[in-house]
Amino acid sequence: MTRTDLAPPSETTLILRLTEIKEAVERLAAASTAAELELTAFTPAKAAELLGKTENWVVEAIQDGRIPHTYVGKSPRMTAAHIREVLATGERKPSRYAKPIAA
């Protein structure tokens, strides 16, 4: 350890740190809350992004009635609950007779 390690930070360093803290607080303030996400009606494009599918897949699944959805006016939308349901219905548990995975 040297004397410069023990010296107080320079004014420039303090200003940079304060700027970083301010930007972090602004990002947190702008982020959506869980309650806001629950009330959001996602477009097929955004729902596709969240599901890891293409927008075309989501639109076709909505048109065929294969996935839950709602309409806002004439536009199809998916809520967070719809997206959770799609994820849950796609879950497959392994058979108890399945071969164990080799390590």
PDB file of N, CA and C in Angstrom:
ATOM      1  N   MET A   1       0.853  -1.163   0.000  1.00  0.00           N
ATOM      2  CA  MET A   1       0.000   0.000   0.000  1.00  0.00           C
ATOM      3  C   MET A   1       0.903   1.231   0.000  1.00  0.00           C
ATOM      4  N   THR A   2       0.516   2.177  -0.828  1.00  0.00           N
ATOM      5  CA  THR A   2       1.314   3.397  -0.921  1.00  0.00           C
ATOM      6  C   THR A   2       0.524   4.572  -0.361  1.00  0.00           C
ATOM      7  N   ARG A   3       1.201   5.712  -0.269  1.00  0.00           N
ATOM      8  CA  ARG A   3       0.527   6.912   0.231  1.00  0.00           C
ATOM      9  C   ARG A   3      -0.595   7.365  -0.688  1.00  0.00           C
ATOM     10  N   THR A   4      -0.425   7.143  -2.002  1.00  0.00           N
ATOM     11  CA  THR A   4      -1.477   7.565  -2.934  1.00  0.00           C
ATOM     12  C   THR A   4      -2.735   6.726  -2.762  1.00  0.00           C
ATOM     13  N   ASP A   5      -2.586   5.480  -2.294  1.00  0.00           N
ATOM     14  CA  ASP A   5      -3.763   4.644  -2.034  1.00  0.00           C
ATOM     15  C   ASP A   5      -4.579   5.206  -0.873  1.00  0.00           C
ATOM     16  N   LEU A   6      -3.926   5.851   0.051  1.00  0.00           N
ATOM     17  CA  LEU A   6      -4.595   6.379   1.231  1.00  0.00           C
ATOM     18  C   LEU A   6      -5.120   7.802   1.029  1.00  0.00           C
ATOM     19  N   ALA A   7      -4.722   8.422  -0.066  1.00  0.00           N
ATOM     20  CA  ALA A   7      -5.141   9.802  -0.333  1.00  0.00           C
ATOM     21  C   ALA A   7      -6.631   9.843  -0.661  1.00  0.00           C
ATOM     22  N   PRO A   8      -7.318  10.909  -0.289  1.00  0.00           N
ATOM     23  CA  PRO A   8      -8.737  11.025  -0.625  1.00  0.00           C
ATOM     24  C   PRO A   8      -8.906  11.107  -2.146  1.00  0.00           C
ATOM     25  N   PRO A   9     -10.034  10.638  -2.667  1.00  0.00           N
ATOM     26  CA  PRO A   9     -10.246  10.687  -4.113  1.00  0.00           C
ATOM     27  C   PRO A   9     -10.291  12.121  -4.617  1.00  0.00           C
ATOM     28  N   SER A  10      -9.881  12.269  -5.865  1.00  0.00           N
ATOM     29  CA  SER A  10      -9.880  13.613  -6.454  1.00  0.00           C
ATOM     30  C   SER A  10     -11.313  14.064  -6.729  1.00  0.00           C
ATOM     31  N   GLU A  11     -11.447  15.350  -6.961  1.00  0.00           N
ATOM     32  CA  GLU A  11     -12.766  15.922  -7.239  1.00  0.00           C
ATOM     33  C   GLU A  11     -13.348  15.329  -8.519  1.00  0.00           C
ATOM     34  N   THR A  12     -12.502  15.108  -9.511  1.00  0.00           N
ATOM     35  CA  THR A  12     -12.954  14.532 -10.779  1.00  0.00           C
ATOM     36  C   THR A  12     -13.509  13.125 -10.562  1.00  0.00           C
ATOM     37  N   THR A  13     -12.812  12.341  -9.742  1.00  0.00           N
ATOM     38  CA  THR A  13     -13.274  10.981  -9.449  1.00  0.00           C
ATOM     39  C   THR A  13     -14.627  11.011  -8.739  1.00  0.00           C
ATOM     40  N   LEU A  14     -14.789  11.917  -7.801  1.00  0.00           N
ATOM     41  CA  LEU A  14     -16.057  12.027  -7.089  1.00  0.00           C
ATOM     42  C   LEU A  14     -17.191  12.417  -8.025  1.00  0.00           C
ATOM     43  N   ILE A  15     -16.930  13.343  -8.939  1.00  0.00           N
ATOM     44  CA  ILE A  15     -17.954  13.780  -9.893  1.00  0.00           C
ATOM     45  C   ILE A  15     -18.357  12.616 -10.799  1.00  0.00           C
ATOM     46  N   LEU A  16     -17.377  11.831 -11.256  1.00  0.00           N
ATOM     47  CA  LEU A  16     -17.670  10.675 -12.102  1.00  0.00           C
ATOM     48  C   LEU A  16     -18.522   9.649 -11.350  1.00  0.00           C
ATOM     49  N   ARG A  17     -18.182   9.396 -10.108  1.00  0.00           N
ATOM     50  CA  ARG A  17     -18.942   8.438  -9.294  1.00  0.00           C
ATOM     51  C   ARG A  17     -20.377   8.922  -9.071  1.00  0.00           C
ATOM     52  N   LEU A  18     -20.530  10.202  -8.780  1.00  0.00           N
ATOM     53  CA  LEU A  18     -21.871  10.752  -8.576  1.00  0.00           C
ATOM     54  C   LEU A  18     -22.699  10.674  -9.859  1.00  0.00           C
ATOM     55  N   THR A  19     -22.063  10.909 -10.989  1.00  0.00           N
ATOM     56  CA  THR A  19     -22.751  10.811 -12.275  1.00  0.00           C
ATOM     57  C   THR A  19     -23.215   9.371 -12.510  1.00  0.00           C
ATOM     58  N   GLU A  20     -22.364   8.387 -12.215  1.00  0.00           N
ATOM     59  CA  GLU A  20     -22.727   6.979 -12.374  1.00  0.00           C
ATOM     60  C   GLU A  20     -23.894   6.612 -11.463  1.00  0.00           C
ATOM     61  N   ILE A  21     -23.869   7.099 -10.232  1.00  0.00           N
ATOM     62  CA  ILE A  21     -24.943   6.818  -9.284  1.00  0.00           C
ATOM     63  C   ILE A  21     -26.250   7.443  -9.760  1.00  0.00           C
ATOM     64  N   LYS A  22     -26.171   8.669 -10.252  1.00  0.00           N
ATOM     65  CA  LYS A  22     -27.361   9.358 -10.750  1.00  0.00           C
ATOM     66  C   LYS A  22     -27.971   8.594 -11.925  1.00  0.00           C
ATOM     67  N   GLU A  23     -27.148   8.131 -12.857  1.00  0.00           N
ATOM     68  CA  GLU A  23     -27.640   7.382 -14.016  1.00  0.00           C
ATOM     69  C   GLU A  23     -28.273   6.064 -13.581  1.00  0.00           C
ATOM     70  N   ALA A  24     -27.680   5.400 -12.597  1.00  0.00           N
ATOM     71  CA  ALA A  24     -28.232   4.138 -12.102  1.00  0.00           C
ATOM     72  C   ALA A  24     -29.592   4.351 -11.459  1.00  0.00           C
ATOM     73  N   VAL A  25     -29.733   5.413 -10.680  1.00  0.00           N
ATOM     74  CA  VAL A  25     -31.012   5.716 -10.033  1.00  0.00           C
ATOM     75  C   VAL A  25     -32.068   6.048 -11.089  1.00  0.00           C
ATOM     76  N   GLU A  26     -31.696   6.778 -12.120  1.00  0.00           N
ATOM     77  CA  GLU A  26     -32.640   7.108 -13.192  1.00  0.00           C
ATOM     78  C   GLU A  26     -33.094   5.861 -13.931  1.00  0.00           C
ATOM     79  N   ARG A  27     -32.178   4.908 -14.175  1.00  0.00           N
ATOM     80  CA  ARG A  27     -32.555   3.651 -14.832  1.00  0.00           C
ATOM     81  C   ARG A  27     -33.537   2.868 -13.972  1.00  0.00           C
ATOM     82  N   LEU A  28     -33.288   2.824 -12.673  1.00  0.00           N
ATOM     83  CA  LEU A  28     -34.196   2.112 -11.767  1.00  0.00           C
ATOM     84  C   LEU A  28     -35.568   2.757 -11.731  1.00  0.00           C
ATOM     85  N   ALA A  29     -35.597   4.083 -11.743  1.00  0.00           N
ATOM     86  CA  ALA A  29     -36.876   4.796 -11.702  1.00  0.00           C
ATOM     87  C   ALA A  29     -37.676   4.571 -12.983  1.00  0.00           C
ATOM     88  N   ALA A  30     -36.985   4.408 -14.114  1.00  0.00           N
ATOM     89  CA  ALA A  30     -37.665   4.232 -15.397  1.00  0.00           C
ATOM     90  C   ALA A  30     -38.100   2.787 -15.632  1.00  0.00           C
ATOM     91  N   ALA A  31     -37.568   1.831 -14.877  1.00  0.00           N
ATOM     92  CA  ALA A  31     -37.894   0.419 -15.073  1.00  0.00           C
ATOM     93  C   ALA A  31     -39.341   0.137 -14.691  1.00  0.00           C
ATOM     94  N   SER A  32     -39.925  -0.828 -15.394  1.00  0.00           N
ATOM     95  CA  SER A  32     -41.307  -1.215 -15.109  1.00  0.00           C
ATOM     96  C   SER A  32     -41.379  -1.997 -13.810  1.00  0.00           C
ATOM     97  N   THR A  33     -42.445  -1.781 -13.073  1.00  0.00           N
ATOM     98  CA  THR A  33     -42.662  -2.543 -11.850  1.00  0.00           C
ATOM     99  C   THR A  33     -43.422  -3.824 -12.198  1.00  0.00           C
ATOM    100  N   ALA A  34     -43.459  -4.763 -11.261  1.00  0.00           N
ATOM    101  CA  ALA A  34     -44.179  -6.016 -11.481  1.00  0.00           C
ATOM    102  C   ALA A  34     -45.659  -5.743 -11.727  1.00  0.00           C
ATOM    103  N   ALA A  35     -46.226  -4.788 -11.003  1.00  0.00           N
ATOM    104  CA  ALA A  35     -47.648  -4.457 -11.177  1.00  0.00           C
ATOM    105  C   ALA A  35     -47.906  -3.903 -12.577  1.00  0.00           C
ATOM    106  N   GLU A  36     -47.005  -3.071 -13.072  1.00  0.00           N
ATOM    107  CA  GLU A  36     -47.173  -2.515 -14.417  1.00  0.00           C
ATOM    108  C   GLU A  36     -47.088  -3.615 -15.470  1.00  0.00           C
ATOM    109  N   LEU A  37     -46.162  -4.567 -15.283  1.00  0.00           N
ATOM    110  CA  LEU A  37     -46.026  -5.659 -16.246  1.00  0.00           C
ATOM    111  C   LEU A  37     -47.266  -6.548 -16.249  1.00  0.00           C
ATOM    112  N   GLU A  38     -47.888  -6.741 -15.087  1.00  0.00           N
ATOM    113  CA  GLU A  38     -49.109  -7.547 -15.007  1.00  0.00           C
ATOM    114  C   GLU A  38     -50.252  -6.906 -15.783  1.00  0.00           C
ATOM    115  N   LEU A  39     -50.264  -5.581 -15.863  1.00  0.00           N
ATOM    116  CA  LEU A  39     -51.340  -4.871 -16.551  1.00  0.00           C
ATOM    117  C   LEU A  39     -51.030  -4.575 -18.016  1.00  0.00           C
ATOM    118  N   THR A  40     -49.839  -4.939 -18.463  1.00  0.00           N
ATOM    119  CA  THR A  40     -49.438  -4.659 -19.836  1.00  0.00           C
ATOM    120  C   THR A  40     -50.021  -5.686 -20.787  1.00  0.00           C
ATOM    121  N   ALA A  41     -50.526  -5.225 -21.917  1.00  0.00           N
ATOM    122  CA  ALA A  41     -50.993  -6.101 -22.989  1.00  0.00           C
ATOM    123  C   ALA A  41     -49.912  -6.084 -24.064  1.00  0.00           C
ATOM    124  N   PHE A  42     -49.187  -7.193 -24.181  1.00  0.00           N
ATOM    125  CA  PHE A  42     -48.046  -7.260 -25.089  1.00  0.00           C
ATOM    126  C   PHE A  42     -48.494  -7.510 -26.522  1.00  0.00           C
ATOM    127  N   THR A  43     -47.832  -6.855 -27.459  1.00  0.00           N
ATOM    128  CA  THR A  43     -48.078  -7.092 -28.877  1.00  0.00           C
ATOM    129  C   THR A  43     -47.543  -8.474 -29.235  1.00  0.00           C
ATOM    130  N   PRO A  44     -47.969  -9.050 -30.369  1.00  0.00           N
ATOM    131  CA  PRO A  44     -47.409 -10.338 -30.777  1.00  0.00           C
ATOM    132  C   PRO A  44     -45.879 -10.297 -30.919  1.00  0.00           C
ATOM    133  N   ALA A  45     -45.342  -9.173 -31.358  1.00  0.00           N
ATOM    134  CA  ALA A  45     -43.887  -9.061 -31.507  1.00  0.00           C
ATOM    135  C   ALA A  45     -43.185  -9.160 -30.151  1.00  0.00           C
ATOM    136  N   LYS A  46     -43.689  -8.437 -29.159  1.00  0.00           N
ATOM    137  CA  LYS A  46     -43.087  -8.462 -27.823  1.00  0.00           C
ATOM    138  C   LYS A  46     -43.316  -9.820 -27.157  1.00  0.00           C
ATOM    139  N   ALA A  47     -44.518 -10.392 -27.336  1.00  0.00           N
ATOM    140  CA  ALA A  47     -44.803 -11.720 -26.778  1.00  0.00           C
ATOM    141  C   ALA A  47     -43.870 -12.761 -27.391  1.00  0.00           C
ATOM    142  N   ALA A  48     -43.621 -12.652 -28.692  1.00  0.00           N
ATOM    143  CA  ALA A  48     -42.709 -13.583 -29.361  1.00  0.00           C
ATOM    144  C   ALA A  48     -41.302 -13.475 -28.783  1.00  0.00           C
ATOM    145  N   GLU A  49     -40.876 -12.259 -28.520  1.00  0.00           N
ATOM    146  CA  GLU A  49     -39.553 -12.033 -27.925  1.00  0.00           C
ATOM    147  C   GLU A  49     -39.477 -12.693 -26.540  1.00  0.00           C
ATOM    148  N   LEU A  50     -40.527 -12.540 -25.746  1.00  0.00           N
ATOM    149  CA  LEU A  50     -40.541 -13.119 -24.400  1.00  0.00           C
ATOM    150  C   LEU A  50     -40.624 -14.640 -24.432  1.00  0.00           C
ATOM    151  N   LEU A  51     -41.306 -15.186 -25.441  1.00  0.00           N
ATOM    152  CA  LEU A  51     -41.460 -16.634 -25.552  1.00  0.00           C
ATOM    153  C   LEU A  51     -40.313 -17.309 -26.297  1.00  0.00           C
ATOM    154  N   GLY A  52     -39.478 -16.514 -26.941  1.00  0.00           N
ATOM    155  CA  GLY A  52     -38.378 -17.094 -27.716  1.00  0.00           C
ATOM    156  C   GLY A  52     -38.856 -17.711 -29.021  1.00  0.00           C
ATOM    157  N   LYS A  53     -39.937 -17.177 -29.561  1.00  0.00           N
ATOM    158  CA  LYS A  53     -40.504 -17.648 -30.820  1.00  0.00           C
ATOM    159  C   LYS A  53     -40.511 -16.488 -31.812  1.00  0.00           C
ATOM    160  N   THR A  54     -40.949 -16.781 -33.036  1.00  0.00           N
ATOM    161  CA  THR A  54     -41.053 -15.709 -34.029  1.00  0.00           C
ATOM    162  C   THR A  54     -42.421 -15.038 -33.901  1.00  0.00           C
ATOM    163  N   GLU A  55     -42.500 -13.827 -34.369  1.00  0.00           N
ATOM    164  CA  GLU A  55     -43.775 -13.106 -34.350  1.00  0.00           C
ATOM    165  C   GLU A  55     -44.812 -13.853 -35.181  1.00  0.00           C
ATOM    166  N   ASN A  56     -44.371 -14.423 -36.307  1.00  0.00           N
ATOM    167  CA  ASN A  56     -45.269 -15.176 -37.178  1.00  0.00           C
ATOM    168  C   ASN A  56     -45.878 -16.367 -36.439  1.00  0.00           C
ATOM    169  N   TRP A  57     -45.076 -17.068 -35.635  1.00  0.00           N
ATOM    170  CA  TRP A  57     -45.578 -18.197 -34.863  1.00  0.00           C
ATOM    171  C   TRP A  57     -46.664 -17.746 -33.894  1.00  0.00           C
ATOM    172  N   VAL A  58     -46.414 -16.645 -33.208  1.00  0.00           N
ATOM    173  CA  VAL A  58     -47.389 -16.129 -32.236  1.00  0.00           C
ATOM    174  C   VAL A  58     -48.679 -15.730 -32.945  1.00  0.00           C
ATOM    175  N   VAL A  59     -48.583 -15.020 -34.045  1.00  0.00           N
ATOM    176  CA  VAL A  59     -49.779 -14.571 -34.778  1.00  0.00           C
ATOM    177  C   VAL A  59     -50.578 -15.781 -35.266  1.00  0.00           C
ATOM    178  N   GLU A  60     -49.897 -16.775 -35.841  1.00  0.00           N
ATOM    179  CA  GLU A  60     -50.600 -17.967 -36.326  1.00  0.00           C
ATOM    180  C   GLU A  60     -51.241 -18.742 -35.179  1.00  0.00           C
ATOM    181  N   ALA A  61     -50.540 -18.856 -34.044  1.00  0.00           N
ATOM    182  CA  ALA A  61     -51.092 -19.564 -32.891  1.00  0.00           C
ATOM    183  C   ALA A  61     -52.320 -18.841 -32.336  1.00  0.00           C
ATOM    184  N   ILE A  62     -52.299 -17.520 -32.364  1.00  0.00           N
ATOM    185  CA  ILE A  62     -53.463 -16.739 -31.919  1.00  0.00           C
ATOM    186  C   ILE A  62     -54.623 -16.956 -32.886  1.00  0.00           C
ATOM    187  N   GLN A  63     -54.353 -16.889 -34.194  1.00  0.00           N
ATOM    188  CA  GLN A  63     -55.412 -17.060 -35.190  1.00  0.00           C
ATOM    189  C   GLN A  63     -56.028 -18.451 -35.137  1.00  0.00           C
ATOM    190  N   ASP A  64     -55.195 -19.470 -34.833  1.00  0.00           N
ATOM    191  CA  ASP A  64     -55.689 -20.849 -34.737  1.00  0.00           C
ATOM    192  C   ASP A  64     -56.316 -21.147 -33.384  1.00  0.00           C
ATOM    193  N   GLY A  65     -56.168 -20.232 -32.422  1.00  0.00           N
ATOM    194  CA  GLY A  65     -56.723 -20.442 -31.092  1.00  0.00           C
ATOM    195  C   GLY A  65     -55.924 -21.440 -30.259  1.00  0.00           C
ATOM    196  N   ARG A  66     -54.629 -21.613 -30.577  1.00  0.00           N
ATOM    197  CA  ARG A  66     -53.785 -22.565 -29.849  1.00  0.00           C
ATOM    198  C   ARG A  66     -53.199 -21.992 -28.575  1.00  0.00           C
ATOM    199  N   ILE A  67     -53.170 -20.668 -28.455  1.00  0.00           N
ATOM    200  CA  ILE A  67     -52.616 -20.044 -27.256  1.00  0.00           C
ATOM    201  C   ILE A  67     -53.601 -19.001 -26.734  1.00  0.00           C
ATOM    202  N   PRO A  68     -53.597 -18.787 -25.411  1.00  0.00           N
ATOM    203  CA  PRO A  68     -54.527 -17.793 -24.855  1.00  0.00           C
ATOM    204  C   PRO A  68     -54.138 -16.381 -25.279  1.00  0.00           C
ATOM    205  N   HIS A  69     -55.140 -15.552 -25.458  1.00  0.00           N
ATOM    206  CA  HIS A  69     -54.905 -14.168 -25.881  1.00  0.00           C
ATOM    207  C   HIS A  69     -56.156 -13.357 -25.615  1.00  0.00           C
ATOM    208  N   THR A  70     -56.058 -12.084 -25.846  1.00  0.00           N
ATOM    209  CA  THR A  70     -57.200 -11.179 -25.726  1.00  0.00           C
ATOM    210  C   THR A  70     -57.110 -10.179 -26.872  1.00  0.00           C
ATOM    211  N   TYR A  71     -58.142  -9.414 -27.038  1.00  0.00           N
ATOM    212  CA  TYR A  71     -58.127  -8.380 -28.072  1.00  0.00           C
ATOM    213  C   TYR A  71     -58.307  -7.016 -27.421  1.00  0.00           C
ATOM    214  N   VAL A  72     -57.538  -6.070 -27.889  1.00  0.00           N
ATOM    215  CA  VAL A  72     -57.726  -4.671 -27.525  1.00  0.00           C
ATOM    216  C   VAL A  72     -58.179  -4.019 -28.821  1.00  0.00           C
ATOM    217  N   GLY A  73     -59.476  -3.771 -28.895  1.00  0.00           N
ATOM    218  CA  GLY A  73     -60.041  -3.352 -30.179  1.00  0.00           C
ATOM    219  C   GLY A  73     -59.978  -4.547 -31.118  1.00  0.00           C
ATOM    220  N   LYS A  74     -59.335  -4.380 -32.267  1.00  0.00           N
ATOM    221  CA  LYS A  74     -59.170  -5.482 -33.210  1.00  0.00           C
ATOM    222  C   LYS A  74     -57.778  -6.093 -33.156  1.00  0.00           C
ATOM    223  N   SER A  75     -56.955  -5.597 -32.233  1.00  0.00           N
ATOM    224  CA  SER A  75     -55.561  -6.041 -32.164  1.00  0.00           C
ATOM    225  C   SER A  75     -55.381  -7.147 -31.128  1.00  0.00           C
ATOM    226  N   PRO A  76     -54.787  -8.282 -31.535  1.00  0.00           N
ATOM    227  CA  PRO A  76     -54.545  -9.345 -30.561  1.00  0.00           C
ATOM    228  C   PRO A  76     -53.420  -8.949 -29.602  1.00  0.00           C
ATOM    229  N   ARG A  77     -53.607  -9.289 -28.342  1.00  0.00           N
ATOM    230  CA  ARG A  77     -52.604  -8.980 -27.324  1.00  0.00           C
ATOM    231  C   ARG A  77     -52.492 -10.161 -26.366  1.00  0.00           C
ATOM    232  N   MET A  78     -51.352 -10.238 -25.679  1.00  0.00           N
ATOM    233  CA  MET A  78     -51.136 -11.271 -24.669  1.00  0.00           C
ATOM    234  C   MET A  78     -50.717 -10.596 -23.371  1.00  0.00           C
ATOM    235  N   THR A  79     -51.312 -11.039 -22.282  1.00  0.00           N
ATOM    236  CA  THR A  79     -50.937 -10.518 -20.967  1.00  0.00           C
ATOM    237  C   THR A  79     -49.831 -11.388 -20.391  1.00  0.00           C
ATOM    238  N   ALA A  80     -49.275 -10.959 -19.266  1.00  0.00           N
ATOM    239  CA  ALA A  80     -48.242 -11.747 -18.593  1.00  0.00           C
ATOM    240  C   ALA A  80     -48.801 -13.108 -18.189  1.00  0.00           C
ATOM    241  N   ALA A  81     -50.059 -13.151 -17.769  1.00  0.00           N
ATOM    242  CA  ALA A  81     -50.686 -14.427 -17.386  1.00  0.00           C
ATOM    243  C   ALA A  81     -50.799 -15.359 -18.593  1.00  0.00           C
ATOM    244  N   HIS A  82     -51.125 -14.815 -19.765  1.00  0.00           N
ATOM    245  CA  HIS A  82     -51.194 -15.629 -20.981  1.00  0.00           C
ATOM    246  C   HIS A  82     -49.826 -16.220 -21.305  1.00  0.00           C
ATOM    247  N   ILE A  83     -48.802 -15.401 -21.199  1.00  0.00           N
ATOM    248  CA  ILE A  83     -47.452 -15.868 -21.522  1.00  0.00           C
ATOM    249  C   ILE A  83     -47.017 -16.946 -20.538  1.00  0.00           C
ATOM    250  N   ARG A  84     -47.319 -16.760 -19.241  1.00  0.00           N
ATOM    251  CA  ARG A  84     -46.987 -17.795 -18.248  1.00  0.00           C
ATOM    252  C   ARG A  84     -47.724 -19.097 -18.552  1.00  0.00           C
ATOM    253  N   GLU A  85     -48.980 -18.995 -18.987  1.00  0.00           N
ATOM    254  CA  GLU A  85     -49.766 -20.191 -19.310  1.00  0.00           C
ATOM    255  C   GLU A  85     -49.172 -20.935 -20.504  1.00  0.00           C
ATOM    256  N   VAL A  86     -48.749 -20.205 -21.529  1.00  0.00           N
ATOM    257  CA  VAL A  86     -48.123 -20.836 -22.694  1.00  0.00           C
ATOM    258  C   VAL A  86     -46.860 -21.575 -22.261  1.00  0.00           C
ATOM    259  N   LEU A  87     -46.071 -20.933 -21.421  1.00  0.00           N
ATOM    260  CA  LEU A  87     -44.840 -21.575 -20.946  1.00  0.00           C
ATOM    261  C   LEU A  87     -45.150 -22.811 -20.110  1.00  0.00           C
ATOM    262  N   ALA A  88     -46.173 -22.742 -19.278  1.00  0.00           N
ATOM    263  CA  ALA A  88     -46.512 -23.864 -18.402  1.00  0.00           C
ATOM    264  C   ALA A  88     -47.091 -25.039 -19.185  1.00  0.00           C
ATOM    265  N   THR A  89     -47.901 -24.773 -20.188  1.00  0.00           N
ATOM    266  CA  THR A  89     -48.505 -25.872 -20.948  1.00  0.00           C
ATOM    267  C   THR A  89     -47.492 -26.562 -21.849  1.00  0.00           C
ATOM    268  N   GLY A  90     -46.410 -25.906 -22.145  1.00  0.00           N
ATOM    269  CA  GLY A  90     -45.369 -26.522 -22.972  1.00  0.00           C
ATOM    270  C   GLY A  90     -44.399 -27.371 -22.165  1.00  0.00           C
ATOM    271  N   GLU A  91     -44.524 -27.331 -20.849  1.00  0.00           N
ATOM    272  CA  GLU A  91     -43.589 -28.060 -19.992  1.00  0.00           C
ATOM    273  C   GLU A  91     -43.854 -29.557 -20.080  1.00  0.00           C
ATOM    274  N   ARG A  92     -42.792 -30.344 -20.218  1.00  0.00           N
ATOM    275  CA  ARG A  92     -42.898 -31.791 -20.268  1.00  0.00           C
ATOM    276  C   ARG A  92     -41.997 -32.387 -19.202  1.00  0.00           C
ATOM    277  N   LYS A  93     -42.551 -33.263 -18.398  1.00  0.00           N
ATOM    278  CA  LYS A  93     -41.776 -33.943 -17.361  1.00  0.00           C
ATOM    279  C   LYS A  93     -41.270 -35.255 -17.938  1.00  0.00           C
ATOM    280  N   PRO A  94     -40.046 -35.660 -17.585  1.00  0.00           N
ATOM    281  CA  PRO A  94     -39.529 -36.926 -18.113  1.00  0.00           C
ATOM    282  C   PRO A  94     -40.287 -38.107 -17.507  1.00  0.00           C
ATOM    283  N   SER A  95     -40.389 -39.155 -18.279  1.00  0.00           N
ATOM    284  CA  SER A  95     -41.019 -40.380 -17.810  1.00  0.00           C
ATOM    285  C   SER A  95     -40.138 -41.018 -16.742  1.00  0.00           C
ATOM    286  N   ARG A  96     -40.764 -41.666 -15.794  1.00  0.00           N
ATOM    287  CA  ARG A  96     -39.953 -42.318 -14.756  1.00  0.00           C
ATOM    288  C   ARG A  96     -39.201 -43.498 -15.327  1.00  0.00           C
ATOM    289  N   TYR A  97     -39.583 -43.928 -16.534  1.00  0.00           N
ATOM    290  CA  TYR A  97     -38.898 -45.046 -17.187  1.00  0.00           C
ATOM    291  C   TYR A  97     -37.818 -44.585 -18.166  1.00  0.00           C
ATOM    292  N   ALA A  98     -37.637 -43.288 -18.274  1.00  0.00           N
ATOM    293  CA  ALA A  98     -36.636 -42.751 -19.188  1.00  0.00           C
ATOM    294  C   ALA A  98     -35.235 -43.110 -18.714  1.00  0.00           C
ATOM    295  N   LYS A  99     -34.340 -43.243 -19.666  1.00  0.00           N
ATOM    296  CA  LYS A  99     -32.943 -43.528 -19.323  1.00  0.00           C
ATOM    297  C   LYS A  99     -32.357 -42.328 -18.607  1.00  0.00           C
ATOM    298  N   PRO A 100     -31.563 -42.562 -17.565  1.00  0.00           N
ATOM    299  CA  PRO A 100     -30.898 -41.426 -16.910  1.00  0.00           C
ATOM    300  C   PRO A 100     -29.852 -40.820 -17.841  1.00  0.00           C
ATOM    301  N   ILE A 101     -29.640 -39.546 -17.699  1.00  0.00           N
ATOM    302  CA  ILE A 101     -28.646 -38.838 -18.514  1.00  0.00           C
ATOM    303  C   ILE A 101     -27.266 -39.181 -17.989  1.00  0.00           C
ATOM    304  N   ALA A 102     -26.393 -39.638 -18.898  1.00  0.00           N
ATOM    305  CA  ALA A 102     -25.029 -39.995 -18.510  1.00  0.00           C
ATOM    306  C   ALA A 102     -24.234 -38.730 -18.206  1.00  0.00           C
ATOM    307  N   ALA A 103     -23.451 -38.781 -17.161  1.00  0.00           N
ATOM    308  CA  ALA A 103     -22.664 -37.611 -16.752  1.00  0.00           C
ATOM    309  C   ALA A 103     -21.385 -37.507 -17.536  1.00  0.00           C
TER     310      ALA A 103
END
